[in-house]
Each structure stands twice: as structure tokens, then as C-alpha cells.
PDB file of N, CA and C in Angstrom:
ATOM      1  N   MET A   1     106.980 114.350  28.723  1.00  0.00           N
ATOM      2  CA  MET A   1     106.703 113.025  29.231  1.00  0.00           C
ATOM      3  C   MET A   1     105.755 112.315  28.279  1.00  0.00           C
ATOM      4  N   THR A   2     106.015 111.048  28.053  1.00  0.00           N
ATOM      5  CA  THR A   2     105.167 110.263  27.156  1.00  0.00           C
ATOM      6  C   THR A   2     103.869 109.874  27.838  1.00  0.00           C
ATOM      7  N   GLN A   3     102.859 109.752  27.029  1.00  0.00           N
ATOM      8  CA  GLN A   3     101.547 109.340  27.526  1.00  0.00           C
ATOM      9  C   GLN A   3     101.565 107.828  27.743  1.00  0.00           C
ATOM     10  N   LEU A   4     101.193 107.404  28.945  1.00  0.00           N
ATOM     11  CA  LEU A   4     101.159 105.974  29.242  1.00  0.00           C
ATOM     12  C   LEU A   4      99.803 105.392  28.903  1.00  0.00           C
ATOM     13  N   LYS A   5      99.850 104.130  28.512  1.00  0.00           N
ATOM     14  CA  LYS A   5      98.592 103.417  28.326  1.00  0.00           C
ATOM     15  C   LYS A   5      97.974 103.229  29.702  1.00  0.00           C
ATOM     16  N   SER A   6      96.689 103.021  29.730  1.00  0.00           N
ATOM     17  CA  SER A   6      95.958 102.890  30.984  1.00  0.00           C
ATOM     18  C   SER A   6      96.524 101.780  31.870  1.00  0.00           C
ATOM     19  N   GLU A   7      96.797 100.610  31.287  1.00  0.00           N
ATOM     20  CA  GLU A   7      97.314  99.499  32.095  1.00  0.00           C
ATOM     21  C   GLU A   7      98.737  99.771  32.582  1.00  0.00           C
ATOM     22  N   ASP A   8      99.529 100.474  31.745  1.00  0.00           N
ATOM     23  CA  ASP A   8     100.882 100.834  32.175  1.00  0.00           C
ATOM     24  C   ASP A   8     100.829 101.830  33.330  1.00  0.00           C
ATOM     25  N   LYS A   9      99.962 102.804  33.203  1.00  0.00           N
ATOM     26  CA  LYS A   9      99.823 103.807  34.250  1.00  0.00           C
ATOM     27  C   LYS A   9      99.399 103.139  35.559  1.00  0.00           C
ATOM     28  N   SER A  10      98.446 102.240  35.475  1.00  0.00           N
ATOM     29  CA  SER A  10      97.974 101.519  36.652  1.00  0.00           C
ATOM     30  C   SER A  10      99.112 100.715  37.287  1.00  0.00           C
ATOM     31  N   PHE A  11      99.917 100.054  36.454  1.00  0.00           N
ATOM     32  CA  PHE A  11     101.054  99.276  36.949  1.00  0.00           C
ATOM     33  C   PHE A  11     102.023 100.162  37.721  1.00  0.00           C
ATOM     34  N   TYR A  12     102.379 101.300  37.152  1.00  0.00           N
ATOM     35  CA  TYR A  12     103.343 102.188  37.801  1.00  0.00           C
ATOM     36  C   TYR A  12     102.764 102.857  39.043  1.00  0.00           C
ATOM     37  N   GLU A  13     101.487 103.143  39.048  1.00  0.00           N
ATOM     38  CA  GLU A  13     100.857 103.696  40.244  1.00  0.00           C
ATOM     39  C   GLU A  13     100.881 102.689  41.386  1.00  0.00           C
ATOM     40  N   THR A  14     100.576 101.435  41.058  1.00  0.00           N
ATOM     41  CA  THR A  14     100.623 100.372  42.067  1.00  0.00           C
ATOM     42  C   THR A  14     102.045 100.177  42.568  1.00  0.00           C
ATOM     43  N   THR A  15     102.998 100.159  41.653  1.00  0.00           N
ATOM     44  CA  THR A  15     104.409 100.008  42.011  1.00  0.00           C
ATOM     45  C   THR A  15     104.851 101.143  42.923  1.00  0.00           C
ATOM     46  N   GLN A  16     104.449 102.353  42.580  1.00  0.00           N
ATOM     47  CA  GLN A  16     104.816 103.524  43.383  1.00  0.00           C
ATOM     48  C   GLN A  16     104.238 103.416  44.802  1.00  0.00           C
ATOM     49  N   LYS A  17     102.973 103.024  44.909  1.00  0.00           N
ATOM     50  CA  LYS A  17     102.327 102.891  46.220  1.00  0.00           C
ATOM     51  C   LYS A  17     103.015 101.826  47.067  1.00  0.00           C
ATOM     52  N   GLU A  18     103.341 100.693  46.453  1.00  0.00           N
ATOM     53  CA  GLU A  18     104.006  99.612  47.185  1.00  0.00           C
ATOM     54  C   GLU A  18     105.408 100.040  47.643  1.00  0.00           C
ATOM     55  N   ALA A  19     106.122 100.717  46.773  1.00  0.00           N
ATOM     56  CA  ALA A  19     107.461 101.192  47.136  1.00  0.00           C
ATOM     57  C   ALA A  19     107.371 102.192  48.290  1.00  0.00           C
ATOM     58  N   LYS A  20     106.379 103.071  48.250  1.00  0.00           N
ATOM     59  CA  LYS A  20     106.191 104.053  49.315  1.00  0.00           C
ATOM     60  C   LYS A  20     105.911 103.351  50.644  1.00  0.00           C
ATOM     61  N   LYS A  21     105.052 102.323  50.631  1.00  0.00           N
ATOM     62  CA  LYS A  21     104.751 101.561  51.846  1.00  0.00           C
ATOM     63  C   LYS A  21     106.017 100.937  52.422  1.00  0.00           C
ATOM     64  N   LYS A  22     106.828 100.341  51.537  1.00  0.00           N
ATOM     65  CA  LYS A  22     108.058  99.700  51.985  1.00  0.00           C
ATOM     66  C   LYS A  22     109.026 100.711  52.580  1.00  0.00           C
ATOM     67  N   ILE A  23     109.128 101.877  51.971  1.00  0.00           N
ATOM     68  CA  ILE A  23     109.993 102.937  52.494  1.00  0.00           C
ATOM     69  C   ILE A  23     109.517 103.355  53.884  1.00  0.00           C
ATOM     70  N   GLU A  24     108.211 103.511  54.053  1.00  0.00           N
ATOM     71  CA  GLU A  24     107.655 103.899  55.349  1.00  0.00           C
ATOM     72  C   GLU A  24     107.919 102.834  56.409  1.00  0.00           C
ATOM     73  N   ILE A  25     107.826 101.566  56.026  1.00  0.00           N
ATOM     74  CA  ILE A  25     108.109 100.465  56.959  1.00  0.00           C
ATOM     75  C   ILE A  25     109.579 100.496  57.372  1.00  0.00           C
ATOM     76  N   ILE A  26     110.451 100.694  56.402  1.00  0.00           N
ATOM     77  CA  ILE A  26     111.889 100.762  56.692  1.00  0.00           C
ATOM     78  C   ILE A  26     112.191 101.956  57.596  1.00  0.00           C
ATOM     79  N   ASP A  27     111.600 103.110  57.304  1.00  0.00           N
ATOM     80  CA  ASP A  27     111.804 104.293  58.147  1.00  0.00           C
ATOM     81  C   ASP A  27     111.352 104.030  59.583  1.00  0.00           C
ATOM     82  N   ALA A  28     110.214 103.382  59.751  1.00  0.00           N
ATOM     83  CA  ALA A  28     109.711 103.060  61.090  1.00  0.00           C
ATOM     84  C   ALA A  28     110.654 102.087  61.800  1.00  0.00           C
ATOM     85  N   THR A  29     111.163 101.115  61.078  1.00  0.00           N
ATOM     86  CA  THR A  29     112.103 100.155  61.653  1.00  0.00           C
ATOM     87  C   THR A  29     113.386 100.853  62.093  1.00  0.00           C
ATOM     88  N   ILE A  30     113.867 101.765  61.274  1.00  0.00           N
ATOM     89  CA  ILE A  30     115.067 102.537  61.617  1.00  0.00           C
ATOM     90  C   ILE A  30     114.830 103.315  62.908  1.00  0.00           C
ATOM     91  N   GLU A  31     113.701 103.974  63.017  1.00  0.00           N
ATOM     92  CA  GLU A  31     113.371 104.745  64.218  1.00  0.00           C
ATOM     93  C   GLU A  31     113.306 103.854  65.450  1.00  0.00           C
ATOM     94  N   GLU A  32     112.701 102.672  65.314  1.00  0.00           N
ATOM     95  CA  GLU A  32     112.624 101.734  66.432  1.00  0.00           C
ATOM     96  C   GLU A  32     114.012 101.281  66.869  1.00  0.00           C
ATOM     97  N   GLU A  33     114.858 100.972  65.903  1.00  0.00           N
ATOM     98  CA  GLU A  33     116.218 100.519  66.224  1.00  0.00           C
ATOM     99  C   GLU A  33     117.022 101.636  66.874  1.00  0.00           C
ATOM    100  N   LEU A  34     116.886 102.860  66.368  1.00  0.00           N
ATOM    101  CA  LEU A  34     117.594 103.987  66.973  1.00  0.00           C
ATOM    102  C   LEU A  34     117.152 104.200  68.410  1.00  0.00           C
ATOM    103  N   ALA A  35     115.868 104.098  68.663  1.00  0.00           N
ATOM    104  CA  ALA A  35     115.351 104.257  70.023  1.00  0.00           C
ATOM    105  C   ALA A  35     115.912 103.161  70.930  1.00  0.00           C
ATOM    106  N   ARG A  36     115.959 101.938  70.420  1.00  0.00           N
ATOM    107  CA  ARG A  36     116.491 100.822  71.202  1.00  0.00           C
ATOM    108  C   ARG A  36     117.967 101.039  71.531  1.00  0.00           C
ATOM    109  N   VAL A  37     118.739 101.478  70.543  1.00  0.00           N
ATOM    110  CA  VAL A  37     120.170 101.713  70.747  1.00  0.00           C
ATOM    111  C   VAL A  37     120.391 102.861  71.733  1.00  0.00           C
ATOM    112  N   LYS A  38     119.621 103.928  71.591  1.00  0.00           N
ATOM    113  CA  LYS A  38     119.747 105.058  72.521  1.00  0.00           C
ATOM    114  C   LYS A  38     119.432 104.626  73.944  1.00  0.00           C
ATOM    115  N   GLU A  39     118.411 103.805  74.105  1.00  0.00           N
ATOM    116  CA  GLU A  39     118.045 103.298  75.424  1.00  0.00           C
ATOM    117  C   GLU A  39     119.175 102.450  76.003  1.00  0.00           C
ATOM    118  N   LYS A  40     119.767 101.610  75.186  1.00  0.00           N
ATOM    119  CA  LYS A  40     120.880 100.760  75.618  1.00  0.00           C
ATOM    120  C   LYS A  40     122.080 101.614  76.028  1.00  0.00           C
ATOM    121  N   ILE A  41     122.393 102.625  75.237  1.00  0.00           N
ATOM    122  CA  ILE A  41     123.517 103.510  75.547  1.00  0.00           C
ATOM    123  C   ILE A  41     123.262 104.248  76.855  1.00  0.00           C
ATOM    124  N   ASN A  42     122.045 104.748  77.048  1.00  0.00           N
ATOM    125  CA  ASN A  42     121.719 105.437  78.294  1.00  0.00           C
ATOM    126  C   ASN A  42     121.884 104.515  79.496  1.00  0.00           C
ATOM    127  N   GLY A  43     121.443 103.277  79.367  1.00  0.00           N
ATOM    128  CA  GLY A  43     121.602 102.307  80.445  1.00  0.00           C
ATOM    129  C   GLY A  43     123.068 102.043  80.765  1.00  0.00           C
ATOM    130  N   LEU A  44     123.873 101.897  79.715  1.00  0.00           N
ATOM    131  CA  LEU A  44     125.307 101.664  79.915  1.00  0.00           C
ATOM    132  C   LEU A  44     125.976 102.876  80.555  1.00  0.00           C
ATOM    133  N   GLN A  45     125.578 104.083  80.165  1.00  0.00           N
ATOM    134  CA  GLN A  45     126.147 105.292  80.755  1.00  0.00           C
ATOM    135  C   GLN A  45     125.803 105.393  82.242  1.00  0.00           C
ATOM    136  N   GLU A  46     124.579 105.017  82.589  1.00  0.00           N
ATOM    137  CA  GLU A  46     124.179 105.029  83.998  1.00  0.00           C
ATOM    138  C   GLU A  46     124.983 103.999  84.796  1.00  0.00           C
ATOM    139  N   GLN A  47     125.186 102.817  84.225  1.00  0.00           N
ATOM    140  CA  GLN A  47     125.994 101.794  84.889  1.00  0.00           C
ATOM    141  C   GLN A  47     127.421 102.286  85.080  1.00  0.00           C
ATOM    142  N   LYS A  48     127.957 102.895  84.041  1.00  0.00           N
ATOM    143  CA  LYS A  48     129.324 103.403  84.100  1.00  0.00           C
ATOM    144  C   LYS A  48     129.453 104.461  85.188  1.00  0.00           C
ATOM    145  N   LYS A  49     128.461 105.353  85.262  1.00  0.00           N
ATOM    146  CA  LYS A  49     128.480 106.412  86.265  1.00  0.00           C
ATOM    147  C   LYS A  49     128.479 105.814  87.676  1.00  0.00           C
ATOM    148  N   ALA A  50     127.638 104.809  87.908  1.00  0.00           N
ATOM    149  CA  ALA A  50     127.563 104.183  89.227  1.00  0.00           C
ATOM    150  C   ALA A  50     128.867 103.460  89.570  1.00  0.00           C
ATOM    151  N   ILE A  51     129.415 102.730  88.626  1.00  0.00           N
ATOM    152  CA  ILE A  51     130.662 101.999  88.861  1.00  0.00           C
ATOM    153  C   ILE A  51     131.818 102.968  89.031  1.00  0.00           C
ATOM    154  N   ARG A  52     131.766 104.075  88.318  1.00  0.00           N
ATOM    155  CA  ARG A  52     132.816 105.085  88.448  1.00  0.00           C
ATOM    156  C   ARG A  52     132.827 105.665  89.861  1.00  0.00           C
ATOM    157  N   GLN A  53     131.654 105.864  90.453  1.00  0.00           N
ATOM    158  CA  GLN A  53     131.603 106.362  91.828  1.00  0.00           C
ATOM    159  C   GLN A  53     132.251 105.366  92.785  1.00  0.00           C
ATOM    160  N   ILE A  54     132.010 104.090  92.564  1.00  0.00           N
ATOM    161  CA  ILE A  54     132.631 103.046  93.384  1.00  0.00           C
ATOM    162  C   ILE A  54     134.146 103.084  93.208  1.00  0.00           C
ATOM    163  N   TYR A  55     134.593 103.175  91.967  1.00  0.00           N
ATOM    164  CA  TYR A  55     136.027 103.214  91.672  1.00  0.00           C
ATOM    165  C   TYR A  55     136.673 104.430  92.319  1.00  0.00           C
ATOM    166  N   ASP A  56     136.043 105.597  92.160  1.00  0.00           N
ATOM    167  CA  ASP A  56     136.584 106.830  92.743  1.00  0.00           C
ATOM    168  C   ASP A  56     136.712 106.693  94.258  1.00  0.00           C
ATOM    169  N   GLY A  57     135.675 106.144  94.894  1.00  0.00           N
ATOM    170  CA  GLY A  57     135.709 105.951  96.343  1.00  0.00           C
ATOM    171  C   GLY A  57     136.807 104.992  96.766  1.00  0.00           C
ATOM    172  N   ALA A  58     136.982 103.914  96.026  1.00  0.00           N
ATOM    173  CA  ALA A  58     138.030 102.941  96.347  1.00  0.00           C
ATOM    174  C   ALA A  58     139.409 103.578  96.226  1.00  0.00           C
ATOM    175  N   CYS A  59     139.592 104.432  95.225  1.00  0.00           N
ATOM    176  CA  CYS A  59     140.881 105.116  95.071  1.00  0.00           C
ATOM    177  C   CYS A  59     141.159 106.011  96.277  1.00  0.00           C
ATOM    178  N   VAL A  60     140.150 106.727  96.729  1.00  0.00           N
ATOM    179  CA  VAL A  60     140.311 107.607  97.891  1.00  0.00           C
ATOM    180  C   VAL A  60     140.659 106.777  99.129  1.00  0.00           C
ATOM    181  N   ILE A  61     139.899 105.704  99.370  1.00  0.00           N
ATOM    182  CA  ILE A  61     140.139 104.858 100.539  1.00  0.00           C
ATOM    183  C   ILE A  61     141.533 104.240 100.505  1.00  0.00           C
ATOM    184  N   LEU A  62     141.958 103.796  99.330  1.00  0.00           N
ATOM    185  CA  LEU A  62     143.272 103.162  99.184  1.00  0.00           C
ATOM    186  C   LEU A  62     144.409 104.179  99.104  1.00  0.00           C
ATOM    187  N   GLY A  63     144.057 105.431  98.830  1.00  0.00           N
ATOM    188  CA  GLY A  63     145.077 106.469  98.699  1.00  0.00           C
ATOM    189  C   GLY A  63     145.917 106.298  97.454  1.00  0.00           C
ATOM    190  N   VAL A  64     145.276 105.828  96.377  1.00  0.00           N
ATOM    191  CA  VAL A  64     146.002 105.621  95.115  1.00  0.00           C
ATOM    192  C   VAL A  64     145.506 106.591  94.055  1.00  0.00           C
ATOM    193  N   LYS A  65     146.333 106.725  93.026  1.00  0.00           N
ATOM    194  CA  LYS A  65     146.005 107.613  91.916  1.00  0.00           C
ATOM    195  C   LYS A  65     144.756 107.102  91.187  1.00  0.00           C
ATOM    196  N   ASN A  66     143.890 108.020  90.833  1.00  0.00           N
ATOM    197  CA  ASN A  66     142.687 107.689  90.062  1.00  0.00           C
ATOM    198  C   ASN A  66     143.019 107.903  88.583  1.00  0.00           C
ATOM    199  N   GLU A  67     143.188 106.814  87.866  1.00  0.00           N
ATOM    200  CA  GLU A  67     143.577 106.886  86.451  1.00  0.00           C
ATOM    201  C   GLU A  67     142.566 107.647  85.600  1.00  0.00           C
ATOM    202  N   PHE A  68     141.290 107.521  85.949  1.00  0.00           N
ATOM    203  CA  PHE A  68     140.258 108.172  85.146  1.00  0.00           C
ATOM    204  C   PHE A  68     140.294 109.682  85.310  1.00  0.00           C
ATOM    205  N   GLU A  69     140.608 110.172  86.522  1.00  0.00           N
ATOM    206  CA  GLU A  69     140.747 111.616  86.712  1.00  0.00           C
ATOM    207  C   GLU A  69     141.914 112.150  85.893  1.00  0.00           C
ATOM    208  N   GLU A  70     143.002 111.372  85.842  1.00  0.00           N
ATOM    209  CA  GLU A  70     144.161 111.785  85.051  1.00  0.00           C
ATOM    210  C   GLU A  70     143.795 111.878  83.569  1.00  0.00           C
ATOM    211  N   GLU A  71     143.044 110.899  83.087  1.00  0.00           N
ATOM    212  CA  GLU A  71     142.612 110.900  81.682  1.00  0.00           C
ATOM    213  C   GLU A  71     141.723 112.099  81.387  1.00  0.00           C
ATOM    214  N   GLU A  72     140.805 112.414  82.316  1.00  0.00           N
ATOM    215  CA  GLU A  72     139.891 113.531  82.113  1.00  0.00           C
ATOM    216  C   GLU A  72     140.656 114.853  82.059  1.00  0.00           C
ATOM    217  N   LYS A  73     141.681 115.003  82.917  1.00  0.00           N
ATOM    218  CA  LYS A  73     142.467 116.233  82.932  1.00  0.00           C
ATOM    219  C   LYS A  73     143.227 116.404  81.619  1.00  0.00           C
ATOM    220  N   SER A  74     143.726 115.301  81.069  1.00  0.00           N
ATOM    221  CA  SER A  74     144.522 115.392  79.840  1.00  0.00           C
ATOM    222  C   SER A  74     143.653 115.601  78.592  1.00  0.00           C
ATOM    223  N   THR A  75     142.359 115.263  78.664  1.00  0.00           N
ATOM    224  CA  THR A  75     141.490 115.453  77.498  1.00  0.00           C
ATOM    225  C   THR A  75     140.765 116.796  77.521  1.00  0.00           C
ATOM    226  N   VAL A  76     140.826 117.507  78.634  1.00  0.00           N
ATOM    227  CA  VAL A  76     140.122 118.801  78.735  1.00  0.00           C
ATOM    228  C   VAL A  76     140.964 119.915  78.230  1.00  0.00           C
TER     229      VAL A  76
END
């Protein structure tokens, strides 16, 4: 490795520190977005589960085929 002049070394050290800060900020932003998306997915899954119970009950009351049960049987 070549020996850097003092001002060059200082420039690259500063550049390295700034790049590291930016990487850390981006990593934190990614984590925040992932948490937000996971929370949204969990909420949607809970809604789906509740609506599915309503649908299943309506099928029983009406005496009709439950399409979702058929799909589940064919994917298992």
C-alpha cells in the first residue's frame, strides 16, 4: 500500500466515516420499513382470519360448498 500524504489520509478517513454513517442510517431505515411491513401483514392476516370465520359460517348456514376448504385440501 502506498503511503498517503497527511491531507489525503485525512480526506479518506473523513470520507470513510461519512460513508459508514450513511450505511448505518440506511440499515436503520431498512429495519424500520421491514417492521412496518411485518406489522401490516400481521394485521391483514388477522383480518383475513376473522373474515374467513364469517365466510365459513355463512357456507354452513347456507349449506353450500366452501371454496376455501376445497383449495386448502388441494394444496396440502
